[in-house]
PDB file of all heavy atoms in Angstrom:
ATOM      1  N   ARG A   1       6.514   9.071  -8.263  1.00  0.00           N
ATOM      2  CA  ARG A   1       7.665   8.304  -8.733  1.00  0.00           C
ATOM      3  C   ARG A   1       8.719   8.148  -7.635  1.00  0.00           C
ATOM      4  O   ARG A   1       9.925   8.188  -7.875  1.00  0.00           O
ATOM      5  CB  ARG A   1       8.287   8.963  -9.982  1.00  0.00           C
ATOM      6  CG  ARG A   1       7.359   8.969 -11.166  1.00  0.00           C
ATOM      7  CD  ARG A   1       7.991   9.646 -12.382  1.00  0.00           C
ATOM      8  NE  ARG A   1       9.265   9.045 -12.750  1.00  0.00           N
ATOM      9  CZ  ARG A   1       9.415   7.889 -13.407  1.00  0.00           C
ATOM     10  NH1 ARG A   1       8.335   7.198 -13.767  1.00  0.00           N
ATOM     11  NH2 ARG A   1      10.605   7.430 -13.711  1.00  0.00           N
ATOM     12  N   ALA A   2       8.253   7.970  -6.413  1.00  0.00           N
ATOM     13  CA  ALA A   2       9.149   7.892  -5.262  1.00  0.00           C
ATOM     14  C   ALA A   2       9.610   6.458  -5.021  1.00  0.00           C
ATOM     15  O   ALA A   2       8.933   5.490  -5.375  1.00  0.00           O
ATOM     16  CB  ALA A   2       8.442   8.425  -4.021  1.00  0.00           C
ATOM     17  N   ALA A   3      10.767   6.330  -4.398  1.00  0.00           N
ATOM     18  CA  ALA A   3      11.257   5.016  -3.986  1.00  0.00           C
ATOM     19  C   ALA A   3      10.452   4.531  -2.788  1.00  0.00           C
ATOM     20  O   ALA A   3       9.906   5.330  -2.012  1.00  0.00           O
ATOM     21  CB  ALA A   3      12.734   5.100  -3.625  1.00  0.00           C
ATOM     22  N   ALA A   4      10.372   3.218  -2.608  1.00  0.00           N
ATOM     23  CA  ALA A   4       9.558   2.637  -1.540  1.00  0.00           C
ATOM     24  C   ALA A   4       9.963   3.158  -0.167  1.00  0.00           C
ATOM     25  O   ALA A   4       9.104   3.461   0.672  1.00  0.00           O
ATOM     26  CB  ALA A   4       9.645   1.110  -1.585  1.00  0.00           C
ATOM     27  N   GLN A   5      11.270   3.307   0.069  1.00  0.00           N
ATOM     28  CA  GLN A   5      11.711   3.745   1.393  1.00  0.00           C
ATOM     29  C   GLN A   5      11.322   5.189   1.688  1.00  0.00           C
ATOM     30  O   GLN A   5      11.223   5.587   2.853  1.00  0.00           O
ATOM     31  CB  GLN A   5      13.222   3.570   1.549  1.00  0.00           C
ATOM     32  CG  GLN A   5      14.079   4.366   0.582  1.00  0.00           C
ATOM     33  CD  GLN A   5      14.454   3.554  -0.643  1.00  0.00           C
ATOM     34  OE1 GLN A   5      13.715   2.652  -1.045  1.00  0.00           O
ATOM     35  NE2 GLN A   5      15.607   3.864  -1.212  1.00  0.00           N
ATOM     36  N   ASP A   6      11.098   5.981   0.647  1.00  0.00           N
ATOM     37  CA  ASP A   6      10.732   7.379   0.857  1.00  0.00           C
ATOM     38  C   ASP A   6       9.275   7.567   1.262  1.00  0.00           C
ATOM     39  O   ASP A   6       8.861   8.666   1.627  1.00  0.00           O
ATOM     40  CB  ASP A   6      11.012   8.196  -0.411  1.00  0.00           C
ATOM     41  CG  ASP A   6      12.492   8.262  -0.736  1.00  0.00           C
ATOM     42  OD1 ASP A   6      13.294   8.140   0.212  1.00  0.00           O
ATOM     43  OD2 ASP A   6      12.839   8.413  -1.922  1.00  0.00           O
ATOM     44  N   MET A   7       8.484   6.497   1.181  1.00  0.00           N
ATOM     45  CA  MET A   7       7.064   6.602   1.506  1.00  0.00           C
ATOM     46  C   MET A   7       6.768   6.272   2.967  1.00  0.00           C
ATOM     47  O   MET A   7       5.636   6.444   3.423  1.00  0.00           O
ATOM     48  CB  MET A   7       6.247   5.667   0.601  1.00  0.00           C
ATOM     49  CG  MET A   7       6.410   5.947  -0.875  1.00  0.00           C
ATOM     50  SD  MET A   7       5.470   4.774  -1.872  1.00  0.00           S
ATOM     51  CE  MET A   7       6.224   5.016  -3.479  1.00  0.00           C
ATOM     52  N   ALA A   8       7.761   5.789   3.686  1.00  0.00           N
ATOM     53  CA  ALA A   8       7.547   5.405   5.087  1.00  0.00           C
ATOM     54  C   ALA A   8       7.408   6.645   5.965  1.00  0.00           C
ATOM     55  O   ALA A   8       8.037   7.678   5.716  1.00  0.00           O
ATOM     56  CB  ALA A   8       8.692   4.540   5.579  1.00  0.00           C
ATOM     57  N   GLN A   9       6.575   6.521   6.990  1.00  0.00           N
ATOM     58  CA  GLN A   9       6.402   7.635   7.918  1.00  0.00           C
ATOM     59  C   GLN A   9       7.690   7.878   8.690  1.00  0.00           C
ATOM     60  O   GLN A   9       8.349   6.945   9.136  1.00  0.00           O
ATOM     61  CB  GLN A   9       5.252   7.344   8.891  1.00  0.00           C
ATOM     62  CG  GLN A   9       4.870   8.563   9.721  1.00  0.00           C
ATOM     63  CD  GLN A   9       3.755   8.272  10.704  1.00  0.00           C
ATOM     64  OE1 GLN A   9       3.761   7.227  11.346  1.00  0.00           O
ATOM     65  NE2 GLN A   9       2.819   9.178  10.848  1.00  0.00           N
ATOM     66  N   ARG A  10       8.050   9.132   8.832  1.00  0.00           N
ATOM     67  CA  ARG A  10       9.245   9.525   9.577  1.00  0.00           C
ATOM     68  C   ARG A  10       8.853   9.993  10.976  1.00  0.00           C
ATOM     69  O   ARG A  10       7.746  10.483  11.171  1.00  0.00           O
ATOM     70  CB  ARG A  10       9.974  10.662   8.839  1.00  0.00           C
ATOM     71  CG  ARG A  10      10.291  10.372   7.386  1.00  0.00           C
ATOM     72  CD  ARG A  10      11.278   9.241   7.232  1.00  0.00           C
ATOM     73  NE  ARG A  10      11.617   9.051   5.809  1.00  0.00           N
ATOM     74  CZ  ARG A  10      12.303   8.020   5.347  1.00  0.00           C
ATOM     75  NH1 ARG A  10      12.721   7.079   6.183  1.00  0.00           N
ATOM     76  NH2 ARG A  10      12.567   7.907   4.068  1.00  0.00           N
ATOM     77  N   PRO A  11       9.730   9.841  11.967  1.00  0.00           N
ATOM     78  CA  PRO A  11      11.082   9.276  11.879  1.00  0.00           C
ATOM     79  C   PRO A  11      11.137   7.761  12.087  1.00  0.00           C
ATOM     80  O   PRO A  11      12.206   7.178  12.059  1.00  0.00           O
ATOM     81  CB  PRO A  11      11.819   9.996  12.998  1.00  0.00           C
ATOM     82  CG  PRO A  11      10.779  10.189  14.049  1.00  0.00           C
ATOM     83  CD  PRO A  11       9.481  10.437  13.310  1.00  0.00           C
ATOM     84  N   ALA A  12       9.982   7.130  12.344  1.00  0.00           N
ATOM     85  CA  ALA A  12       9.998   5.706  12.711  1.00  0.00           C
ATOM     86  C   ALA A  12      10.623   4.842  11.619  1.00  0.00           C
ATOM     87  O   ALA A  12      11.412   3.936  11.899  1.00  0.00           O
ATOM     88  CB  ALA A  12       8.574   5.234  13.008  1.00  0.00           C
ATOM     89  N   ASP A  13      10.246   5.093  10.346  1.00  0.00           N
ATOM     90  CA  ASP A  13      10.813   4.353   9.215  1.00  0.00           C
ATOM     91  C   ASP A  13      10.675   2.845   9.409  1.00  0.00           C
ATOM     92  O   ASP A  13      11.632   2.092   9.256  1.00  0.00           O
ATOM     93  CB  ASP A  13      12.279   4.758   9.018  1.00  0.00           C
ATOM     94  CG  ASP A  13      12.774   4.415   7.612  1.00  0.00           C
ATOM     95  OD1 ASP A  13      11.925   4.169   6.735  1.00  0.00           O
ATOM     96  OD2 ASP A  13      13.994   4.391   7.413  1.00  0.00           O
ATOM     97  N   LEU A  14       9.455   2.416   9.747  1.00  0.00           N
ATOM     98  CA  LEU A  14       9.201   1.000  10.017  1.00  0.00           C
ATOM     99  C   LEU A  14       8.713   0.234   8.794  1.00  0.00           C
ATOM    100  O   LEU A  14       8.392  -0.943   8.891  1.00  0.00           O
ATOM    101  CB  LEU A  14       8.136   0.867  11.121  1.00  0.00           C
ATOM    102  CG  LEU A  14       8.484   1.489  12.471  1.00  0.00           C
ATOM    103  CD1 LEU A  14       7.273   1.426  13.402  1.00  0.00           C
ATOM    104  CD2 LEU A  14       9.681   0.781  13.092  1.00  0.00           C
ATOM    105  N   GLY A  15       8.683   0.903   7.651  1.00  0.00           N
ATOM    106  CA  GLY A  15       7.994   0.326   6.506  1.00  0.00           C
ATOM    107  C   GLY A  15       6.551   0.801   6.493  1.00  0.00           C
ATOM    108  O   GLY A  15       6.104   1.531   7.392  1.00  0.00           O
ATOM    109  N   TRP A  16       5.810   0.415   5.499  1.00  0.00           N
ATOM    110  CA  TRP A  16       4.421   0.875   5.359  1.00  0.00           C
ATOM    111  C   TRP A  16       3.579  -0.200   4.690  1.00  0.00           C
ATOM    112  O   TRP A  16       4.107  -1.141   4.088  1.00  0.00           O
ATOM    113  CB  TRP A  16       4.355   2.175   4.546  1.00  0.00           C
ATOM    114  CG  TRP A  16       5.071   2.113   3.215  1.00  0.00           C
ATOM    115  CD1 TRP A  16       6.356   2.466   2.961  1.00  0.00           C
ATOM    116  CD2 TRP A  16       4.542   1.623   1.978  1.00  0.00           C
ATOM    117  NE1 TRP A  16       6.670   2.247   1.631  1.00  0.00           N
ATOM    118  CE2 TRP A  16       5.572   1.739   0.999  1.00  0.00           C
ATOM    119  CE3 TRP A  16       3.305   1.113   1.588  1.00  0.00           C
ATOM    120  CZ2 TRP A  16       5.398   1.343  -0.331  1.00  0.00           C
ATOM    121  CZ3 TRP A  16       3.128   0.721   0.256  1.00  0.00           C
ATOM    122  CH2 TRP A  16       4.162   0.846  -0.687  1.00  0.00           C
ATOM    123  N   LYS A  17       2.252  -0.025   4.820  1.00  0.00           N
ATOM    124  CA  LYS A  17       1.343  -0.994   4.208  1.00  0.00           C
ATOM    125  C   LYS A  17       0.057  -0.292   3.781  1.00  0.00           C
ATOM    126  O   LYS A  17      -0.459   0.576   4.482  1.00  0.00           O
ATOM    127  CB  LYS A  17       1.012  -2.130   5.185  1.00  0.00           C
ATOM    128  CG  LYS A  17       0.160  -3.238   4.556  1.00  0.00           C
ATOM    129  CD  LYS A  17      -0.015  -4.422   5.498  1.00  0.00           C
ATOM    130  CE  LYS A  17      -0.777  -5.553   4.817  1.00  0.00           C
ATOM    131  NZ  LYS A  17      -0.942  -6.717   5.721  1.00  0.00           N
ATOM    132  N   LEU A  18      -0.454  -0.702   2.624  1.00  0.00           N
ATOM    133  CA  LEU A  18      -1.748  -0.244   2.115  1.00  0.00           C
ATOM    134  C   LEU A  18      -2.616  -1.467   1.859  1.00  0.00           C
ATOM    135  O   LEU A  18      -2.136  -2.484   1.354  1.00  0.00           O
ATOM    136  CB  LEU A  18      -1.586   0.516   0.790  1.00  0.00           C
ATOM    137  CG  LEU A  18      -0.577   1.667   0.750  1.00  0.00           C
ATOM    138  CD1 LEU A  18      -0.412   2.156  -0.677  1.00  0.00           C
ATOM    139  CD2 LEU A  18      -1.027   2.794   1.665  1.00  0.00           C
ATOM    140  N   THR A  19      -3.879  -1.390   2.223  1.00  0.00           N
ATOM    141  CA  THR A  19      -4.830  -2.439   1.870  1.00  0.00           C
ATOM    142  C   THR A  19      -6.046  -1.792   1.234  1.00  0.00           C
ATOM    143  O   THR A  19      -6.430  -0.672   1.594  1.00  0.00           O
ATOM    144  CB  THR A  19      -5.274  -3.275   3.088  1.00  0.00           C
ATOM    145  OG1 THR A  19      -5.871  -2.402   4.064  1.00  0.00           O
ATOM    146  CG2 THR A  19      -4.091  -3.981   3.722  1.00  0.00           C
ATOM    147  N   GLY A  20      -6.635  -2.469   0.287  1.00  0.00           N
ATOM    148  CA  GLY A  20      -7.796  -1.920  -0.394  1.00  0.00           C
ATOM    149  C   GLY A  20      -8.761  -3.004  -0.815  1.00  0.00           C
ATOM    150  O   GLY A  20      -8.363  -4.148  -1.084  1.00  0.00           O
ATOM    151  N   ILE A  21     -10.030  -2.641  -0.857  1.00  0.00           N
ATOM    152  CA  ILE A  21     -11.072  -3.509  -1.403  1.00  0.00           C
ATOM    153  C   ILE A  21     -11.514  -2.880  -2.714  1.00  0.00           C
ATOM    154  O   ILE A  21     -12.069  -1.778  -2.733  1.00  0.00           O
ATOM    155  CB  ILE A  21     -12.277  -3.656  -0.453  1.00  0.00           C
ATOM    156  CG1 ILE A  21     -11.811  -4.161   0.921  1.00  0.00           C
ATOM    157  CG2 ILE A  21     -13.325  -4.588  -1.056  1.00  0.00           C
ATOM    158  CD1 ILE A  21     -11.195  -5.537   0.908  1.00  0.00           C
ATOM    159  N   LEU A  22     -11.246  -3.567  -3.821  1.00  0.00           N
ATOM    160  CA  LEU A  22     -11.511  -3.035  -5.149  1.00  0.00           C
ATOM    161  C   LEU A  22     -12.683  -3.759  -5.782  1.00  0.00           C
ATOM    162  O   LEU A  22     -12.678  -4.986  -5.899  1.00  0.00           O
ATOM    163  CB  LEU A  22     -10.271  -3.195  -6.033  1.00  0.00           C
ATOM    164  CG  LEU A  22     -10.385  -2.656  -7.453  1.00  0.00           C
ATOM    165  CD1 LEU A  22     -10.291  -1.134  -7.445  1.00  0.00           C
ATOM    166  CD2 LEU A  22      -9.301  -3.252  -8.352  1.00  0.00           C
ATOM    167  N   GLN A  23     -13.682  -2.988  -6.178  1.00  0.00           N
ATOM    168  CA  GLN A  23     -14.802  -3.537  -6.950  1.00  0.00           C
ATOM    169  C   GLN A  23     -14.482  -3.314  -8.423  1.00  0.00           C
ATOM    170  O   GLN A  23     -14.345  -2.181  -8.877  1.00  0.00           O
ATOM    171  CB  GLN A  23     -16.103  -2.830  -6.588  1.00  0.00           C
ATOM    172  CG  GLN A  23     -17.349  -3.389  -7.278  1.00  0.00           C
ATOM    173  CD  GLN A  23     -17.701  -4.771  -6.773  1.00  0.00           C
ATOM    174  OE1 GLN A  23     -17.559  -5.051  -5.589  1.00  0.00           O
ATOM    175  NE2 GLN A  23     -18.152  -5.649  -7.669  1.00  0.00           N
ATOM    176  N   SER A  24     -14.327  -4.389  -9.187  1.00  0.00           N
ATOM    177  CA  SER A  24     -13.896  -4.272 -10.573  1.00  0.00           C
ATOM    178  C   SER A  24     -14.623  -5.278 -11.451  1.00  0.00           C
ATOM    179  O   SER A  24     -14.484  -6.496 -11.279  1.00  0.00           O
ATOM    180  CB  SER A  24     -12.383  -4.496 -10.673  1.00  0.00           C
ATOM    181  OG  SER A  24     -11.951  -4.495 -12.016  1.00  0.00           O
ATOM    182  N   LEU A  25     -15.420  -4.744 -12.388  1.00  0.00           N
ATOM    183  CA  LEU A  25     -16.090  -5.586 -13.385  1.00  0.00           C
ATOM    184  C   LEU A  25     -16.813  -6.761 -12.739  1.00  0.00           C
ATOM    185  O   LEU A  25     -16.607  -7.922 -13.089  1.00  0.00           O
ATOM    186  CB  LEU A  25     -15.075  -6.089 -14.424  1.00  0.00           C
ATOM    187  CG  LEU A  25     -14.277  -5.017 -15.171  1.00  0.00           C
ATOM    188  CD1 LEU A  25     -13.295  -5.663 -16.130  1.00  0.00           C
ATOM    189  CD2 LEU A  25     -15.193  -4.057 -15.902  1.00  0.00           C
ATOM    190  N   HIS A  26     -17.675  -6.459 -11.783  1.00  0.00           N
ATOM    191  CA  HIS A  26     -18.529  -7.444 -11.098  1.00  0.00           C
ATOM    192  C   HIS A  26     -17.742  -8.408 -10.212  1.00  0.00           C
ATOM    193  O   HIS A  26     -18.274  -9.442  -9.781  1.00  0.00           O
ATOM    194  CB  HIS A  26     -19.359  -8.246 -12.110  1.00  0.00           C
ATOM    195  CG  HIS A  26     -20.086  -7.401 -13.107  1.00  0.00           C
ATOM    196  ND1 HIS A  26     -21.098  -6.541 -12.734  1.00  0.00           N
ATOM    197  CD2 HIS A  26     -19.936  -7.259 -14.445  1.00  0.00           C
ATOM    198  CE1 HIS A  26     -21.547  -5.919 -13.814  1.00  0.00           C
ATOM    199  NE2 HIS A  26     -20.859  -6.325 -14.857  1.00  0.00           N
ATOM    200  N   GLN A  27     -16.490  -8.090  -9.928  1.00  0.00           N
ATOM    201  CA  GLN A  27     -15.698  -8.907  -9.019  1.00  0.00           C
ATOM    202  C   GLN A  27     -15.118  -8.021  -7.928  1.00  0.00           C
ATOM    203  O   GLN A  27     -14.889  -6.833  -8.133  1.00  0.00           O
ATOM    204  CB  GLN A  27     -14.555  -9.623  -9.759  1.00  0.00           C
ATOM    205  CG  GLN A  27     -15.024 -10.665 -10.755  1.00  0.00           C
ATOM    206  CD  GLN A  27     -13.856 -11.428 -11.368  1.00  0.00           C
ATOM    207  OE1 GLN A  27     -12.785 -10.865 -11.564  1.00  0.00           O
ATOM    208  NE2 GLN A  27     -14.059 -12.700 -11.660  1.00  0.00           N
ATOM    209  N   THR A  28     -14.884  -8.626  -6.757  1.00  0.00           N
ATOM    210  CA  THR A  28     -14.298  -7.904  -5.639  1.00  0.00           C
ATOM    211  C   THR A  28     -12.924  -8.490  -5.346  1.00  0.00           C
ATOM    212  O   THR A  28     -12.766  -9.711  -5.235  1.00  0.00           O
ATOM    213  CB  THR A  28     -15.187  -8.014  -4.388  1.00  0.00           C
ATOM    214  OG1 THR A  28     -16.473  -7.468  -4.682  1.00  0.00           O
ATOM    215  CG2 THR A  28     -14.581  -7.236  -3.224  1.00  0.00           C
ATOM    216  N   HIS A  29     -11.923  -7.605  -5.245  1.00  0.00           N
ATOM    217  CA  HIS A  29     -10.551  -8.045  -4.993  1.00  0.00           C
ATOM    218  C   HIS A  29     -10.017  -7.380  -3.738  1.00  0.00           C
ATOM    219  O   HIS A  29     -10.233  -6.183  -3.514  1.00  0.00           O
ATOM    220  CB  HIS A  29      -9.643  -7.671  -6.167  1.00  0.00           C
ATOM    221  CG  HIS A  29     -10.037  -8.290  -7.476  1.00  0.00           C
ATOM    222  ND1 HIS A  29      -9.757  -9.602  -7.793  1.00  0.00           N
ATOM    223  CD2 HIS A  29     -10.706  -7.767  -8.536  1.00  0.00           C
ATOM    224  CE1 HIS A  29     -10.228  -9.868  -9.004  1.00  0.00           C
ATOM    225  NE2 HIS A  29     -10.800  -8.778  -9.474  1.00  0.00           N
ATOM    226  N   GLU A  30      -9.306  -8.146  -2.941  1.00  0.00           N
ATOM    227  CA  GLU A  30      -8.591  -7.592  -1.793  1.00  0.00           C
ATOM    228  C   GLU A  30      -7.121  -7.441  -2.178  1.00  0.00           C
ATOM    229  O   GLU A  30      -6.477  -8.407  -2.601  1.00  0.00           O
ATOM    230  CB  GLU A  30      -8.720  -8.505  -0.573  1.00  0.00           C
ATOM    231  CG  GLU A  30      -8.035  -7.923   0.661  1.00  0.00           C
ATOM    232  CD  GLU A  30      -8.235  -8.767   1.908  1.00  0.00           C
ATOM    233  OE1 GLU A  30      -9.105  -9.662   1.895  1.00  0.00           O
ATOM    234  OE2 GLU A  30      -7.514  -8.524   2.893  1.00  0.00           O
ATOM    235  N   ILE A  31      -6.618  -6.234  -2.045  1.00  0.00           N
ATOM    236  CA  ILE A  31      -5.260  -5.939  -2.484  1.00  0.00           C
ATOM    237  C   ILE A  31      -4.434  -5.462  -1.296  1.00  0.00           C
ATOM    238  O   ILE A  31      -4.890  -4.624  -0.511  1.00  0.00           O
ATOM    239  CB  ILE A  31      -5.263  -4.861  -3.589  1.00  0.00           C
ATOM    240  CG1 ILE A  31      -6.104  -5.335  -4.782  1.00  0.00           C
ATOM    241  CG2 ILE A  31      -3.842  -4.543  -4.035  1.00  0.00           C
ATOM    242  CD1 ILE A  31      -6.330  -4.269  -5.819  1.00  0.00           C
ATOM    243  N   GLU A  32      -3.229  -6.000  -1.177  1.00  0.00           N
ATOM    244  CA  GLU A  32      -2.275  -5.560  -0.151  1.00  0.00           C
ATOM    245  C   GLU A  32      -0.992  -5.119  -0.849  1.00  0.00           C
ATOM    246  O   GLU A  32      -0.485  -5.814  -1.733  1.00  0.00           O
ATOM    247  CB  GLU A  32      -1.958  -6.699   0.818  1.00  0.00           C
ATOM    248  CG  GLU A  32      -3.147  -7.256   1.573  1.00  0.00           C
ATOM    249  CD  GLU A  32      -2.777  -8.500   2.348  1.00  0.00           C
ATOM    250  OE1 GLU A  32      -2.118  -8.368   3.401  1.00  0.00           O
ATOM    251  OE2 GLU A  32      -3.112  -9.604   1.875  1.00  0.00           O
ATOM    252  N   ILE A  33      -0.478  -3.965  -0.453  1.00  0.00           N
ATOM    253  CA  ILE A  33       0.772  -3.439  -1.001  1.00  0.00           C
ATOM    254  C   ILE A  33       1.610  -2.967   0.182  1.00  0.00           C
ATOM    255  O   ILE A  33       1.111  -2.231   1.030  1.00  0.00           O
ATOM    256  CB  ILE A  33       0.499  -2.270  -1.965  1.00  0.00           C
ATOM    257  CG1 ILE A  33      -0.483  -2.694  -3.057  1.00  0.00           C
ATOM    258  CG2 ILE A  33       1.800  -1.763  -2.587  1.00  0.00           C
ATOM    259  CD1 ILE A  33      -1.030  -1.542  -3.875  1.00  0.00           C
ATOM    260  N   TRP A  34       2.866  -3.366   0.241  1.00  0.00           N
ATOM    261  CA  TRP A  34       3.655  -2.989   1.413  1.00  0.00           C
ATOM    262  C   TRP A  34       5.148  -2.971   1.077  1.00  0.00           C
ATOM    263  O   TRP A  34       5.602  -3.499   0.065  1.00  0.00           O
ATOM    264  CB  TRP A  34       3.379  -3.939   2.570  1.00  0.00           C
ATOM    265  CG  TRP A  34       3.981  -5.306   2.422  1.00  0.00           C
ATOM    266  CD1 TRP A  34       5.167  -5.747   2.929  1.00  0.00           C
ATOM    267  CD2 TRP A  34       3.422  -6.424   1.718  1.00  0.00           C
ATOM    268  NE1 TRP A  34       5.382  -7.066   2.599  1.00  0.00           N
ATOM    269  CE2 TRP A  34       4.334  -7.505   1.854  1.00  0.00           C
ATOM    270  CE3 TRP A  34       2.243  -6.623   0.991  1.00  0.00           C
ATOM    271  CZ2 TRP A  34       4.088  -8.745   1.280  1.00  0.00           C
ATOM    272  CZ3 TRP A  34       2.007  -7.853   0.417  1.00  0.00           C
ATOM    273  CH2 TRP A  34       2.914  -8.905   0.571  1.00  0.00           C
ATOM    274  N   SER A  35       5.874  -2.333   1.976  1.00  0.00           N
ATOM    275  CA  SER A  35       7.338  -2.321   1.921  1.00  0.00           C
ATOM    276  C   SER A  35       7.843  -2.423   3.344  1.00  0.00           C
ATOM    277  O   SER A  35       7.376  -1.712   4.230  1.00  0.00           O
ATOM    278  CB  SER A  35       7.847  -1.035   1.267  1.00  0.00           C
ATOM    279  OG  SER A  35       9.256  -0.921   1.409  1.00  0.00           O
TER     280      SER A  35
END
């Protein structure tokens, strides 16, 4: 339950990004999440 800014690597604090390939119900999705 953290705020987006608290998830950034320290001390750089440049923001962060996650990418994932999700296989779901016979479909493939590319997901990007970032701050």
